[in-house]
Amino acid sequence: MESIERDREVCLSILKEYTKSESLLKHAYAVETCVKAYAKKFSEDELFWGNVALLHDFDYEMFPTAAEHPFKGSKILNEKGFSEEFRKAILSHADYTNVPRETLLQKVLFACDELVGFITAVTYVRPSKSIDEVEVNSVKKKMKDKAFAKNVSREDITKGAELMNIPLEEHIQFCINAMKENRAELGL
């Protein structure tokens, strides 16, 4: 029997049970898209990695404070039978949880989370609102504009690439390419 951690339909139903916001759902799909692409690149378990990414913020809409997210989500997933490895990966994406990023999955999830949100914001200001118009240089240029997508941590984007030992430009391009492959679901 397929474990729930590798069953996208089960994970998707959990996500949709707790998350109603279209933008948060699309964020989950975008992070899933990039994390799965990295899983494929590194010959890791695409389903497991993708589902961790899909559920990394599932509790955020209901429990948005640092005292709650992602702790409440971890507790909910524990009750549903998700492994410590799965839950620790999710907990590690937020600095304030103090869960160290030791595994490649933990590093990739952290590296993709903020960047994906930023790439999405850059896409929305393009004339066509299409990911096809987004280039690495435009993302880097917008990163310097502190007023643009001001809630996105530039430091986390940079730190994420460093954690993975990948040049920032290469990481940005990789995520843009992955998001282009899933543009329909992402609405980009």
Protein backbone atom coordinates (compact mmCIF):
# COMPACT_ATOMS: atom_id res chain seq x y z
CA MET A 1 0.00 0.00 0.00
CA GLU A 2 1.20 3.49 -0.90
CA SER A 3 2.08 5.54 2.18
CA ILE A 4 0.08 8.72 2.72
CA GLU A 5 3.32 10.67 2.48
CA ARG A 6 3.71 9.60 -1.15
CA ASP A 7 0.01 9.99 -2.06
CA ARG A 8 -0.51 13.41 -3.65
CA GLU A 9 -4.30 13.10 -3.58
CA VAL A 10 -4.33 12.59 0.20
CA CYS A 11 -1.90 15.48 0.69
CA LEU A 12 -3.87 17.70 -1.69
CA SER A 13 -7.09 17.01 0.24
CA ILE A 14 -5.33 17.99 3.50
CA LEU A 15 -4.03 21.17 1.87
CA LYS A 16 -7.49 22.12 0.58
CA GLU A 17 -9.15 21.29 3.90
CA TYR A 18 -7.03 23.91 5.68
CA THR A 19 -6.27 26.38 2.87
CA LYS A 20 -8.97 28.28 0.96
CA SER A 21 -6.93 31.21 -0.38
CA GLU A 22 -6.19 30.83 -4.10
CA SER A 23 -2.83 32.59 -3.72
CA LEU A 24 -1.73 30.27 -0.88
CA LEU A 25 -2.81 27.22 -2.88
CA LYS A 26 -0.82 28.44 -5.88
CA HIS A 27 2.17 29.10 -3.61
CA ALA A 28 1.97 25.50 -2.38
CA TYR A 29 1.80 24.20 -5.98
CA ALA A 30 4.74 26.41 -7.02
CA VAL A 31 6.95 25.29 -4.13
CA GLU A 32 5.94 21.68 -4.86
CA THR A 33 6.86 22.18 -8.52
CA CYS A 34 10.37 23.44 -7.76
CA VAL A 35 11.08 20.97 -4.95
CA LYS A 36 9.96 18.04 -7.16
CA ALA A 37 12.20 19.30 -9.95
CA TYR A 38 15.14 19.30 -7.54
CA ALA A 39 14.18 15.82 -6.30
CA LYS A 40 14.38 14.63 -9.91
CA LYS A 41 17.72 16.40 -10.44
CA PHE A 42 19.18 14.80 -7.29
CA SER A 43 17.57 11.36 -7.92
CA GLU A 44 15.45 11.61 -4.77
CA ASP A 45 11.85 10.57 -4.07
CA GLU A 46 9.80 13.07 -6.11
CA LEU A 47 6.48 12.13 -4.51
CA PHE A 48 7.75 12.41 -0.94
CA TRP A 49 9.62 15.66 -1.58
CA GLY A 50 6.73 17.11 -3.57
CA ASN A 51 4.21 16.34 -0.84
CA VAL A 52 6.42 17.88 1.86
CA ALA A 53 6.51 21.03 -0.28
CA LEU A 54 2.78 20.87 -0.98
CA LEU A 55 2.01 20.79 2.75
CA HIS A 56 4.75 23.10 4.06
CA ASP A 57 2.28 25.98 4.62
CA PHE A 58 -1.03 24.10 4.80
CA ASP A 59 -1.71 25.36 8.34
CA TYR A 60 -0.71 28.98 7.65
CA GLU A 61 -4.16 30.34 6.77
CA MET A 62 -5.74 28.99 9.98
CA PHE A 63 -2.67 29.42 12.22
CA PRO A 64 -0.64 32.35 10.83
CA THR A 65 1.37 33.37 13.88
CA ALA A 66 4.94 32.30 14.59
CA ALA A 67 3.65 30.67 17.79
CA GLU A 68 1.36 28.43 15.69
CA HIS A 69 2.75 27.91 12.15
CA PRO A 70 4.18 25.36 11.32
CA PHE A 71 3.87 23.78 14.78
CA LYS A 72 0.09 23.23 14.57
CA GLY A 73 0.53 21.70 11.13
CA SER A 74 3.18 19.31 12.42
CA LYS A 75 0.85 18.21 15.21
CA ILE A 76 -2.03 17.67 12.74
CA LEU A 77 0.22 15.67 10.40
CA ASN A 78 1.51 13.59 13.32
CA GLU A 79 -2.07 12.70 14.24
CA LYS A 80 -2.68 11.68 10.61
CA GLY A 81 0.32 9.33 10.66
CA PHE A 82 2.99 11.35 8.88
CA SER A 83 6.59 10.48 9.77
CA GLU A 84 9.01 12.57 11.79
CA GLU A 85 11.18 12.99 8.67
CA PHE A 86 8.23 14.51 6.78
CA ARG A 87 7.25 16.80 9.66
CA LYS A 88 10.83 17.87 10.47
CA ALA A 89 11.35 18.94 6.87
CA ILE A 90 8.30 21.20 7.15
CA LEU A 91 9.32 22.54 10.55
CA SER A 92 12.80 23.37 9.22
CA HIS A 93 11.51 25.81 6.58
CA ALA A 94 10.93 28.50 9.22
CA ASP A 95 14.02 29.88 11.00
CA TYR A 96 12.14 30.55 14.24
CA THR A 97 11.36 26.84 14.80
CA ASN A 98 15.08 26.27 15.46
CA VAL A 99 14.91 22.97 13.57
CA PRO A 100 18.27 22.72 11.79
CA ARG A 101 18.35 22.14 8.04
CA GLU A 102 20.45 19.00 7.84
CA THR A 103 18.98 16.97 4.98
CA LEU A 104 19.03 17.90 1.32
CA LEU A 105 15.22 18.02 1.33
CA GLN A 106 15.20 20.52 4.22
CA LYS A 107 17.70 22.73 2.40
CA VAL A 108 15.82 22.55 -0.91
CA LEU A 109 12.45 23.35 0.70
CA PHE A 110 13.91 26.40 2.43
CA ALA A 111 15.71 27.50 -0.75
CA CYS A 112 12.57 27.27 -2.89
CA ASP A 113 9.97 28.72 -0.52
CA GLU A 114 10.77 32.45 -0.60
CA LEU A 115 12.22 32.39 -4.12
CA VAL A 116 9.06 30.91 -5.62
CA GLY A 117 6.96 33.64 -4.02
CA PHE A 118 9.32 36.27 -5.38
CA ILE A 119 9.36 34.81 -8.91
CA THR A 120 5.54 34.77 -8.82
CA ALA A 121 5.50 38.46 -7.81
CA VAL A 122 7.93 39.32 -10.63
CA THR A 123 5.68 37.42 -13.06
CA TYR A 124 2.63 39.44 -12.01
CA VAL A 125 4.31 42.75 -12.89
CA ARG A 126 5.33 41.61 -16.38
CA PRO A 127 3.09 43.09 -19.13
CA SER A 128 1.80 39.63 -20.13
CA LYS A 129 1.77 38.31 -16.53
CA SER A 130 3.50 35.25 -17.99
CA ILE A 131 6.38 33.29 -16.49
CA ASP A 132 7.75 33.13 -20.05
CA GLU A 133 8.81 36.78 -19.73
CA VAL A 134 10.67 36.30 -16.45
CA GLU A 135 14.46 36.19 -16.63
CA VAL A 136 17.14 35.80 -13.98
CA ASN A 137 18.30 39.40 -14.45
CA SER A 138 14.80 40.79 -13.89
CA VAL A 139 14.46 38.73 -10.68
CA LYS A 140 17.85 39.93 -9.41
CA LYS A 141 17.03 43.54 -10.31
CA LYS A 142 13.72 43.36 -8.42
CA MET A 143 15.52 41.83 -5.42
CA LYS A 144 17.38 45.16 -5.07
CA ASP A 145 14.07 47.08 -4.95
CA LYS A 146 13.21 46.92 -1.23
CA ALA A 147 9.67 48.20 -1.85
CA PHE A 148 8.87 45.39 -4.30
CA ALA A 149 7.34 42.30 -2.64
CA LYS A 150 8.66 43.70 0.63
CA ASN A 151 7.45 40.73 2.70
CA VAL A 152 9.76 38.36 0.83
CA SER A 153 13.10 37.90 2.56
CA ARG A 154 15.95 38.54 0.13
CA GLU A 155 18.29 37.19 2.80
CA ASP A 156 16.43 33.85 2.83
CA ILE A 157 16.58 33.64 -0.97
CA THR A 158 20.34 34.18 -0.93
CA LYS A 159 20.85 31.92 2.11
CA GLY A 160 18.81 29.16 0.43
CA ALA A 161 21.05 29.06 -2.63
CA GLU A 162 24.12 29.09 -0.39
CA LEU A 163 22.72 26.22 1.71
CA MET A 164 22.36 24.14 -1.45
CA ASN A 165 25.81 25.19 -2.65
CA ILE A 166 24.34 26.45 -5.92
CA PRO A 167 25.05 29.90 -7.40
CA LEU A 168 22.03 32.19 -6.89
CA GLU A 169 21.62 32.81 -10.65
CA GLU A 170 21.54 29.07 -11.33
CA HIS A 171 18.98 28.49 -8.56
CA ILE A 172 16.73 31.27 -9.86
CA GLN A 173 16.94 29.90 -13.42
CA PHE A 174 16.22 26.36 -12.23
CA CYS A 175 13.07 27.50 -10.42
CA ILE A 176 11.89 29.65 -13.34
CA ASN A 177 12.32 26.65 -15.66
CA ALA A 178 10.44 24.34 -13.29
CA MET A 179 7.60 26.84 -12.91
CA LYS A 180 7.36 27.21 -16.71
CA GLU A 181 6.80 23.45 -16.93
CA ASN A 182 3.77 23.77 -14.62
CA ARG A 183 2.53 27.21 -15.75
CA ALA A 184 -1.09 26.07 -16.22
CA GLU A 185 -1.59 24.85 -12.63
CA LEU A 186 0.31 27.86 -11.30
CA GLY A 187 -1.72 30.33 -13.37
CA LEU A 188 1.47 31.86 -14.75
